[in-house]
Amino acid sequence: MEFFYAEVEWWTSVNIKNAEAEELARKLQRLTQTVIIAMTERLRRLEQRETDKAERLVAIGRDMARRMGEDSVSQDFDAMPYDEATGLPK
C-alpha cells in the first residue's frame, strides 16, 4: 500500500488570550490538517483507479481487435442490409 502525504501550511494567525481556547484551536487545526490529507489521498486513489480502468479497457479492445482479425475490424456495417421496420440485420 502506497501512502501519500501532503504538507499543509496554515497562514492564518489567531491571537487567543485564553490557554484552553488556544489548545482547542491547535487540536482543531491538527484535525483539519489530518482530514485534508486523508481526503487528498482518497481522491488521488480514486483518480488512479479510473485511469487504471480506462487503460485496462483500451488493452481489452486492442486484444479483441487482434483476435477478431482484419475482416471483423474493417467490416462496413453501413453496407449491411437492415430491415427498415425493426433496424435488425436481414
PDB file of N, CA and C in Angstrom:
ATOM      1  N   MET A   1       0.849  -1.177   0.000  1.00  0.00           N
ATOM      2  CA  MET A   1       0.000   0.000   0.000  1.00  0.00           C
ATOM      3  C   MET A   1       0.890   1.233   0.000  1.00  0.00           C
ATOM      4  N   GLU A   2       0.592   2.145  -0.892  1.00  0.00           N
ATOM      5  CA  GLU A   2       1.375   3.361  -1.004  1.00  0.00           C
ATOM      6  C   GLU A   2       0.688   4.477  -0.227  1.00  0.00           C
ATOM      7  N   PHE A   3       1.459   5.226   0.519  1.00  0.00           N
ATOM      8  CA  PHE A   3       0.901   6.333   1.285  1.00  0.00           C
ATOM      9  C   PHE A   3       1.324   7.644   0.650  1.00  0.00           C
ATOM     10  N   PHE A   4       0.477   8.603   0.755  1.00  0.00           N
ATOM     11  CA  PHE A   4       0.730   9.924   0.206  1.00  0.00           C
ATOM     12  C   PHE A   4       0.608  10.917   1.348  1.00  0.00           C
ATOM     13  N   TYR A   5       1.544  11.824   1.430  1.00  0.00           N
ATOM     14  CA  TYR A   5       1.495  12.821   2.491  1.00  0.00           C
ATOM     15  C   TYR A   5       1.595  14.196   1.859  1.00  0.00           C
ATOM     16  N   ALA A   6       0.657  15.029   2.166  1.00  0.00           N
ATOM     17  CA  ALA A   6       0.680  16.409   1.685  1.00  0.00           C
ATOM     18  C   ALA A   6       0.873  17.321   2.881  1.00  0.00           C
ATOM     19  N   GLU A   7       1.867  18.133   2.805  1.00  0.00           N
ATOM     20  CA  GLU A   7       2.094  19.068   3.907  1.00  0.00           C
ATOM     21  C   GLU A   7       1.171  20.261   3.716  1.00  0.00           C
ATOM     22  N   VAL A   8       0.468  20.584   4.744  1.00  0.00           N
ATOM     23  CA  VAL A   8      -0.499  21.676   4.690  1.00  0.00           C
ATOM     24  C   VAL A   8       0.059  22.846   5.488  1.00  0.00           C
ATOM     25  N   GLU A   9       0.118  23.985   4.854  1.00  0.00           N
ATOM     26  CA  GLU A   9       0.610  25.171   5.544  1.00  0.00           C
ATOM     27  C   GLU A   9      -0.570  26.044   5.946  1.00  0.00           C
ATOM     28  N   TRP A  10      -0.493  26.601   7.112  1.00  0.00           N
ATOM     29  CA  TRP A  10      -1.537  27.467   7.613  1.00  0.00           C
ATOM     30  C   TRP A  10      -0.963  28.870   7.735  1.00  0.00           C
ATOM     31  N   TRP A  11      -1.599  29.813   7.100  1.00  0.00           N
ATOM     32  CA  TRP A  11      -1.117  31.189   7.088  1.00  0.00           C
ATOM     33  C   TRP A  11      -1.933  32.095   7.991  1.00  0.00           C
ATOM     34  N   THR A  12      -2.949  31.563   8.605  1.00  0.00           N
ATOM     35  CA  THR A  12      -3.770  32.405   9.458  1.00  0.00           C
ATOM     36  C   THR A  12      -3.151  32.489  10.842  1.00  0.00           C
ATOM     37  N   SER A  13      -3.287  33.631  11.419  1.00  0.00           N
ATOM     38  CA  SER A  13      -2.754  33.848  12.752  1.00  0.00           C
ATOM     39  C   SER A  13      -3.910  34.266  13.654  1.00  0.00           C
ATOM     40  N   VAL A  14      -3.937  33.646  14.825  1.00  0.00           N
ATOM     41  CA  VAL A  14      -5.007  33.942  15.770  1.00  0.00           C
ATOM     42  C   VAL A  14      -4.365  34.350  17.086  1.00  0.00           C
ATOM     43  N   ASN A  15      -4.851  35.422  17.647  1.00  0.00           N
ATOM     44  CA  ASN A  15      -4.332  35.897  18.926  1.00  0.00           C
ATOM     45  C   ASN A  15      -5.360  35.543  19.988  1.00  0.00           C
ATOM     46  N   ILE A  16      -5.103  34.419  20.696  1.00  0.00           N
ATOM     47  CA  ILE A  16      -6.033  33.933  21.706  1.00  0.00           C
ATOM     48  C   ILE A  16      -5.400  34.141  23.080  1.00  0.00           C
ATOM     49  N   LYS A  17      -6.141  34.779  23.972  1.00  0.00           N
ATOM     50  CA  LYS A  17      -5.622  35.088  25.308  1.00  0.00           C
ATOM     51  C   LYS A  17      -5.925  33.984  26.329  1.00  0.00           C
ATOM     52  N   ASN A  18      -6.830  33.079  25.971  1.00  0.00           N
ATOM     53  CA  ASN A  18      -7.235  32.018  26.886  1.00  0.00           C
ATOM     54  C   ASN A  18      -6.478  30.737  26.516  1.00  0.00           C
ATOM     55  N   ALA A  19      -5.780  30.127  27.490  1.00  0.00           N
ATOM     56  CA  ALA A  19      -4.958  28.942  27.239  1.00  0.00           C
ATOM     57  C   ALA A  19      -5.803  27.757  26.764  1.00  0.00           C
ATOM     58  N   GLU A  20      -6.961  27.559  27.364  1.00  0.00           N
ATOM     59  CA  GLU A  20      -7.818  26.448  26.958  1.00  0.00           C
ATOM     60  C   GLU A  20      -8.312  26.631  25.526  1.00  0.00           C
ATOM     61  N   ALA A  21      -8.729  27.845  25.201  1.00  0.00           N
ATOM     62  CA  ALA A  21      -9.197  28.127  23.846  1.00  0.00           C
ATOM     63  C   ALA A  21      -8.060  27.948  22.840  1.00  0.00           C
ATOM     64  N   GLU A  22      -6.860  28.351  23.229  1.00  0.00           N
ATOM     65  CA  GLU A  22      -5.702  28.197  22.344  1.00  0.00           C
ATOM     66  C   GLU A  22      -5.408  26.715  22.094  1.00  0.00           C
ATOM     67  N   GLU A  23      -5.466  25.886  23.133  1.00  0.00           N
ATOM     68  CA  GLU A  23      -5.213  24.449  22.986  1.00  0.00           C
ATOM     69  C   GLU A  23      -6.287  23.801  22.107  1.00  0.00           C
ATOM     70  N   LEU A  24      -7.533  24.204  22.305  1.00  0.00           N
ATOM     71  CA  LEU A  24      -8.616  23.667  21.469  1.00  0.00           C
ATOM     72  C   LEU A  24      -8.421  24.073  20.007  1.00  0.00           C
ATOM     73  N   ALA A  25      -7.998  25.294  19.777  1.00  0.00           N
ATOM     74  CA  ALA A  25      -7.755  25.765  18.408  1.00  0.00           C
ATOM     75  C   ALA A  25      -6.631  24.957  17.758  1.00  0.00           C
ATOM     76  N   ARG A  26      -5.577  24.658  18.520  1.00  0.00           N
ATOM     77  CA  ARG A  26      -4.464  23.862  17.988  1.00  0.00           C
ATOM     78  C   ARG A  26      -4.930  22.441  17.643  1.00  0.00           C
ATOM     79  N   LYS A  27      -5.749  21.842  18.513  1.00  0.00           N
ATOM     80  CA  LYS A  27      -6.279  20.500  18.244  1.00  0.00           C
ATOM     81  C   LYS A  27      -7.151  20.513  16.996  1.00  0.00           C
ATOM     82  N   LEU A  28      -7.983  21.528  16.880  1.00  0.00           N
ATOM     83  CA  LEU A  28      -8.851  21.643  15.714  1.00  0.00           C
ATOM     84  C   LEU A  28      -8.022  21.804  14.444  1.00  0.00           C
ATOM     85  N   GLN A  29      -6.966  22.583  14.517  1.00  0.00           N
ATOM     86  CA  GLN A  29      -6.104  22.776  13.352  1.00  0.00           C
ATOM     87  C   GLN A  29      -5.457  21.453  12.949  1.00  0.00           C
ATOM     88  N   ARG A  30      -4.991  20.660  13.927  1.00  0.00           N
ATOM     89  CA  ARG A  30      -4.390  19.356  13.610  1.00  0.00           C
ATOM     90  C   ARG A  30      -5.421  18.415  12.995  1.00  0.00           C
ATOM     91  N   LEU A  31      -6.630  18.423  13.538  1.00  0.00           N
ATOM     92  CA  LEU A  31      -7.690  17.582  12.978  1.00  0.00           C
ATOM     93  C   LEU A  31      -8.017  17.998  11.546  1.00  0.00           C
ATOM     94  N   THR A  32      -8.083  19.286  11.316  1.00  0.00           N
ATOM     95  CA  THR A  32      -8.374  19.794   9.978  1.00  0.00           C
ATOM     96  C   THR A  32      -7.290  19.366   8.999  1.00  0.00           C
ATOM     97  N   GLN A  33      -6.035  19.478   9.410  1.00  0.00           N
ATOM     98  CA  GLN A  33      -4.926  19.058   8.551  1.00  0.00           C
ATOM     99  C   GLN A  33      -5.024  17.563   8.247  1.00  0.00           C
ATOM    100  N   THR A  34      -5.368  16.777   9.239  1.00  0.00           N
ATOM    101  CA  THR A  34      -5.497  15.339   9.055  1.00  0.00           C
ATOM    102  C   THR A  34      -6.608  15.014   8.064  1.00  0.00           C
ATOM    103  N   VAL A  35      -7.729  15.693   8.176  1.00  0.00           N
ATOM    104  CA  VAL A  35      -8.853  15.465   7.264  1.00  0.00           C
ATOM    105  C   VAL A  35      -8.463  15.859   5.843  1.00  0.00           C
ATOM    106  N   ILE A  36      -7.774  16.972   5.673  1.00  0.00           N
ATOM    107  CA  ILE A  36      -7.352  17.411   4.344  1.00  0.00           C
ATOM    108  C   ILE A  36      -6.407  16.382   3.718  1.00  0.00           C
ATOM    109  N   ILE A  37      -5.471  15.891   4.495  1.00  0.00           N
ATOM    110  CA  ILE A  37      -4.536  14.890   3.988  1.00  0.00           C
ATOM    111  C   ILE A  37      -5.284  13.621   3.590  1.00  0.00           C
ATOM    112  N   ALA A  38      -6.211  13.172   4.417  1.00  0.00           N
ATOM    113  CA  ALA A  38      -6.980  11.960   4.128  1.00  0.00           C
ATOM    114  C   ALA A  38      -7.827  12.126   2.862  1.00  0.00           C
ATOM    115  N   MET A  39      -8.474  13.269   2.716  1.00  0.00           N
ATOM    116  CA  MET A  39      -9.302  13.496   1.535  1.00  0.00           C
ATOM    117  C   MET A  39      -8.452  13.593   0.274  1.00  0.00           C
ATOM    118  N   THR A  40      -7.294  14.226   0.369  1.00  0.00           N
ATOM    119  CA  THR A  40      -6.393  14.335  -0.774  1.00  0.00           C
ATOM    120  C   THR A  40      -5.928  12.956  -1.223  1.00  0.00           C
ATOM    121  N   GLU A  41      -5.566  12.112  -0.271  1.00  0.00           N
ATOM    122  CA  GLU A  41      -5.115  10.761  -0.590  1.00  0.00           C
ATOM    123  C   GLU A  41      -6.236   9.933  -1.193  1.00  0.00           C
ATOM    124  N   ARG A  42      -7.432  10.029  -0.650  1.00  0.00           N
ATOM    125  CA  ARG A  42      -8.578   9.273  -1.166  1.00  0.00           C
ATOM    126  C   ARG A  42      -8.898   9.689  -2.602  1.00  0.00           C
ATOM    127  N   LEU A  43      -8.892  10.989  -2.866  1.00  0.00           N
ATOM    128  CA  LEU A  43      -9.161  11.482  -4.207  1.00  0.00           C
ATOM    129  C   LEU A  43      -8.094  10.996  -5.188  1.00  0.00           C
ATOM    130  N   ARG A  44      -6.829  10.989  -4.773  1.00  0.00           N
ATOM    131  CA  ARG A  44      -5.745  10.524  -5.630  1.00  0.00           C
ATOM    132  C   ARG A  44      -5.944   9.049  -5.984  1.00  0.00           C
ATOM    133  N   ARG A  45      -6.339   8.231  -4.988  1.00  0.00           N
ATOM    134  CA  ARG A  45      -6.561   6.809  -5.246  1.00  0.00           C
ATOM    135  C   ARG A  45      -7.747   6.592  -6.193  1.00  0.00           C
ATOM    136  N   LEU A  46      -8.823   7.351  -6.021  1.00  0.00           N
ATOM    137  CA  LEU A  46      -9.984   7.217  -6.906  1.00  0.00           C
ATOM    138  C   LEU A  46      -9.635   7.616  -8.333  1.00  0.00           C
ATOM    139  N   GLU A  47      -8.892   8.698  -8.490  1.00  0.00           N
ATOM    140  CA  GLU A  47      -8.480   9.125  -9.826  1.00  0.00           C
ATOM    141  C   GLU A  47      -7.573   8.084 -10.473  1.00  0.00           C
ATOM    142  N   GLN A  48      -6.673   7.489  -9.697  1.00  0.00           N
ATOM    143  CA  GLN A  48      -5.782   6.465 -10.226  1.00  0.00           C
ATOM    144  C   GLN A  48      -6.579   5.225 -10.634  1.00  0.00           C
ATOM    145  N   ARG A  49      -7.585   4.879  -9.852  1.00  0.00           N
ATOM    146  CA  ARG A  49      -8.428   3.728 -10.179  1.00  0.00           C
ATOM    147  C   ARG A  49      -9.126   3.934 -11.518  1.00  0.00           C
ATOM    148  N   GLU A  50      -9.629   5.142 -11.757  1.00  0.00           N
ATOM    149  CA  GLU A  50     -10.294   5.435 -13.029  1.00  0.00           C
ATOM    150  C   GLU A  50      -9.305   5.361 -14.191  1.00  0.00           C
ATOM    151  N   THR A  51      -8.097   5.863 -13.981  1.00  0.00           N
ATOM    152  CA  THR A  51      -7.064   5.792 -15.017  1.00  0.00           C
ATOM    153  C   THR A  51      -6.728   4.339 -15.319  1.00  0.00           C
ATOM    154  N   ASP A  52      -6.556   3.531 -14.274  1.00  0.00           N
ATOM    155  CA  ASP A  52      -6.253   2.111 -14.453  1.00  0.00           C
ATOM    156  C   ASP A  52      -7.374   1.399 -15.207  1.00  0.00           C
ATOM    157  N   LYS A  53      -8.621   1.737 -14.866  1.00  0.00           N
ATOM    158  CA  LYS A  53      -9.768   1.112 -15.522  1.00  0.00           C
ATOM    159  C   LYS A  53      -9.783   1.449 -17.014  1.00  0.00           C
ATOM    160  N   ALA A  54      -9.539   2.698 -17.354  1.00  0.00           N
ATOM    161  CA  ALA A  54      -9.521   3.108 -18.758  1.00  0.00           C
ATOM    162  C   ALA A  54      -8.404   2.399 -19.516  1.00  0.00           C
ATOM    163  N   GLU A  55      -7.241   2.282 -18.904  1.00  0.00           N
ATOM    164  CA  GLU A  55      -6.124   1.596 -19.555  1.00  0.00           C
ATOM    165  C   GLU A  55      -6.443   0.120 -19.784  1.00  0.00           C
ATOM    166  N   ARG A  56      -7.108  -0.522 -18.818  1.00  0.00           N
ATOM    167  CA  ARG A  56      -7.489  -1.931 -18.981  1.00  0.00           C
ATOM    168  C   ARG A  56      -8.493  -2.099 -20.119  1.00  0.00           C
ATOM    169  N   LEU A  57      -9.460  -1.170 -20.208  1.00  0.00           N
ATOM    170  CA  LEU A  57     -10.463  -1.264 -21.282  1.00  0.00           C
ATOM    171  C   LEU A  57      -9.829  -1.086 -22.658  1.00  0.00           C
ATOM    172  N   VAL A  58      -8.892  -0.172 -22.774  1.00  0.00           N
ATOM    173  CA  VAL A  58      -8.190   0.017 -24.050  1.00  0.00           C
ATOM    174  C   VAL A  58      -7.418  -1.251 -24.404  1.00  0.00           C
ATOM    175  N   ALA A  59      -6.753  -1.850 -23.423  1.00  0.00           N
ATOM    176  CA  ALA A  59      -5.994  -3.086 -23.670  1.00  0.00           C
ATOM    177  C   ALA A  59      -6.923  -4.214 -24.109  1.00  0.00           C
ATOM    178  N   ILE A  60      -8.100  -4.318 -23.495  1.00  0.00           N
ATOM    179  CA  ILE A  60      -9.072  -5.341 -23.886  1.00  0.00           C
ATOM    180  C   ILE A  60      -9.524  -5.105 -25.324  1.00  0.00           C
ATOM    181  N   GLY A  61      -9.805  -3.863 -25.676  1.00  0.00           N
ATOM    182  CA  GLY A  61     -10.224  -3.540 -27.038  1.00  0.00           C
ATOM    183  C   GLY A  61      -9.160  -3.900 -28.059  1.00  0.00           C
ATOM    184  N   ARG A  62      -7.914  -3.592 -27.756  1.00  0.00           N
ATOM    185  CA  ARG A  62      -6.824  -3.933 -28.687  1.00  0.00           C
ATOM    186  C   ARG A  62      -6.673  -5.451 -28.814  1.00  0.00           C
ATOM    187  N   ASP A  63      -6.793  -6.159 -27.706  1.00  0.00           N
ATOM    188  CA  ASP A  63      -6.674  -7.612 -27.726  1.00  0.00           C
ATOM    189  C   ASP A  63      -7.806  -8.224 -28.552  1.00  0.00           C
ATOM    190  N   MET A  64      -9.018  -7.737 -28.366  1.00  0.00           N
ATOM    191  CA  MET A  64     -10.157  -8.260 -29.122  1.00  0.00           C
ATOM    192  C   MET A  64     -10.002  -7.957 -30.616  1.00  0.00           C
ATOM    193  N   ALA A  65      -9.533  -6.772 -30.966  1.00  0.00           N
ATOM    194  CA  ALA A  65      -9.329  -6.432 -32.374  1.00  0.00           C
ATOM    195  C   ALA A  65      -8.291  -7.366 -32.992  1.00  0.00           C
ATOM    196  N   ARG A  66      -7.236  -7.664 -32.242  1.00  0.00           N
ATOM    197  CA  ARG A  66      -6.203  -8.568 -32.739  1.00  0.00           C
ATOM    198  C   ARG A  66      -6.770  -9.970 -32.939  1.00  0.00           C
ATOM    199  N   ARG A  67      -7.583 -10.440 -31.998  1.00  0.00           N
ATOM    200  CA  ARG A  67      -8.144 -11.792 -32.080  1.00  0.00           C
ATOM    201  C   ARG A  67      -9.193 -11.927 -33.183  1.00  0.00           C
ATOM    202  N   MET A  68      -9.945 -10.854 -33.421  1.00  0.00           N
ATOM    203  CA  MET A  68     -11.024 -10.914 -34.407  1.00  0.00           C
ATOM    204  C   MET A  68     -10.487 -10.901 -35.829  1.00  0.00           C
ATOM    205  N   GLY A  69      -9.336 -10.340 -36.027  1.00  0.00           N
ATOM    206  CA  GLY A  69      -8.763 -10.300 -37.363  1.00  0.00           C
ATOM    207  C   GLY A  69      -9.186  -9.056 -38.121  1.00  0.00           C
ATOM    208  N   GLU A  70      -8.516  -8.826 -39.212  1.00  0.00           N
ATOM    209  CA  GLU A  70      -8.727  -7.622 -40.023  1.00  0.00           C
ATOM    210  C   GLU A  70     -10.126  -7.559 -40.616  1.00  0.00           C
ATOM    211  N   ASP A  71     -10.693  -8.694 -40.998  1.00  0.00           N
ATOM    212  CA  ASP A  71     -12.020  -8.703 -41.628  1.00  0.00           C
ATOM    213  C   ASP A  71     -13.089  -8.129 -40.712  1.00  0.00           C
ATOM    214  N   SER A  72     -13.045  -8.487 -39.441  1.00  0.00           N
ATOM    215  CA  SER A  72     -14.056  -8.013 -38.499  1.00  0.00           C
ATOM    216  C   SER A  72     -13.872  -6.548 -38.156  1.00  0.00           C
ATOM    217  N   VAL A  73     -12.634  -6.123 -38.079  1.00  0.00           N
ATOM    218  CA  VAL A  73     -12.354  -4.746 -37.691  1.00  0.00           C
ATOM    219  C   VAL A  73     -12.733  -3.774 -38.790  1.00  0.00           C
ATOM    220  N   SER A  74     -12.504  -4.160 -40.039  1.00  0.00           N
ATOM    221  CA  SER A  74     -12.751  -3.232 -41.151  1.00  0.00           C
ATOM    222  C   SER A  74     -14.107  -3.438 -41.813  1.00  0.00           C
ATOM    223  N   GLN A  75     -14.965  -4.221 -41.228  1.00  0.00           N
ATOM    224  CA  GLN A  75     -16.264  -4.501 -41.818  1.00  0.00           C
ATOM    225  C   GLN A  75     -17.094  -3.228 -41.896  1.00  0.00           C
ATOM    226  N   ASP A  76     -17.753  -3.015 -43.043  1.00  0.00           N
ATOM    227  CA  ASP A  76     -18.584  -1.828 -43.251  1.00  0.00           C
ATOM    228  C   ASP A  76     -20.007  -2.151 -42.825  1.00  0.00           C
ATOM    229  N   PHE A  77     -20.349  -1.756 -41.617  1.00  0.00           N
ATOM    230  CA  PHE A  77     -21.672  -2.078 -41.089  1.00  0.00           C
ATOM    231  C   PHE A  77     -22.774  -1.263 -41.756  1.00  0.00           C
ATOM    232  N   ASP A  78     -22.432  -0.126 -42.330  1.00  0.00           N
ATOM    233  CA  ASP A  78     -23.436   0.677 -43.030  1.00  0.00           C
ATOM    234  C   ASP A  78     -23.892   0.005 -44.328  1.00  0.00           C
ATOM    235  N   ALA A  79     -23.050  -0.834 -44.900  1.00  0.00           N
ATOM    236  CA  ALA A  79     -23.391  -1.511 -46.144  1.00  0.00           C
ATOM    237  C   ALA A  79     -24.248  -2.751 -45.912  1.00  0.00           C
ATOM    238  N   MET A  80     -24.416  -3.182 -44.677  1.00  0.00           N
ATOM    239  CA  MET A  80     -25.218  -4.371 -44.374  1.00  0.00           C
ATOM    240  C   MET A  80     -26.698  -4.060 -44.587  1.00  0.00           C
ATOM    241  N   PRO A  81     -27.459  -5.034 -45.096  1.00  0.00           N
ATOM    242  CA  PRO A  81     -28.898  -4.810 -45.289  1.00  0.00           C
ATOM    243  C   PRO A  81     -29.647  -4.897 -43.957  1.00  0.00           C
ATOM    244  N   TYR A  82     -30.341  -3.838 -43.637  1.00  0.00           N
ATOM    245  CA  TYR A  82     -31.120  -3.795 -42.393  1.00  0.00           C
ATOM    246  C   TYR A  82     -32.601  -3.691 -42.723  1.00  0.00           C
ATOM    247  N   ASP A  83     -33.420  -4.284 -41.896  1.00  0.00           N
ATOM    248  CA  ASP A  83     -34.861  -4.182 -42.025  1.00  0.00           C
ATOM    249  C   ASP A  83     -35.265  -2.775 -41.605  1.00  0.00           C
ATOM    250  N   GLU A  84     -35.975  -2.076 -42.429  1.00  0.00           N
ATOM    251  CA  GLU A  84     -36.374  -0.697 -42.141  1.00  0.00           C
ATOM    252  C   GLU A  84     -37.289  -0.585 -40.929  1.00  0.00           C
ATOM    253  N   ALA A  85     -38.127  -1.589 -40.698  1.00  0.00           N
ATOM    254  CA  ALA A  85     -39.099  -1.540 -39.611  1.00  0.00           C
ATOM    255  C   ALA A  85     -38.476  -1.826 -38.254  1.00  0.00           C
ATOM    256  N   THR A  86     -37.579  -2.796 -38.210  1.00  0.00           N
ATOM    257  CA  THR A  86     -37.010  -3.196 -36.918  1.00  0.00           C
ATOM    258  C   THR A  86     -35.593  -2.689 -36.682  1.00  0.00           C
ATOM    259  N   GLY A  87     -34.873  -2.393 -37.758  1.00  0.00           N
ATOM    260  CA  GLY A  87     -33.488  -1.979 -37.623  1.00  0.00           C
ATOM    261  C   GLY A  87     -32.534  -3.132 -37.438  1.00  0.00           C
ATOM    262  N   LEU A  88     -33.065  -4.361 -37.494  1.00  0.00           N
ATOM    263  CA  LEU A  88     -32.235  -5.550 -37.339  1.00  0.00           C
ATOM    264  C   LEU A  88     -31.671  -5.983 -38.692  1.00  0.00           C
ATOM    265  N   PRO A  89     -30.518  -6.647 -38.676  1.00  0.00           N
ATOM    266  CA  PRO A  89     -29.977  -7.159 -39.961  1.00  0.00           C
ATOM    267  C   PRO A  89     -30.941  -8.146 -40.598  1.00  0.00           C
ATOM    268  N   LYS A  90     -31.014  -8.120 -41.933  1.00  0.00           N
ATOM    269  CA  LYS A  90     -31.907  -9.033 -42.673  1.00  0.00           C
ATOM    270  C   LYS A  90     -31.250 -10.388 -42.764  1.00  0.00           C
TER     271      LYS A  90
END
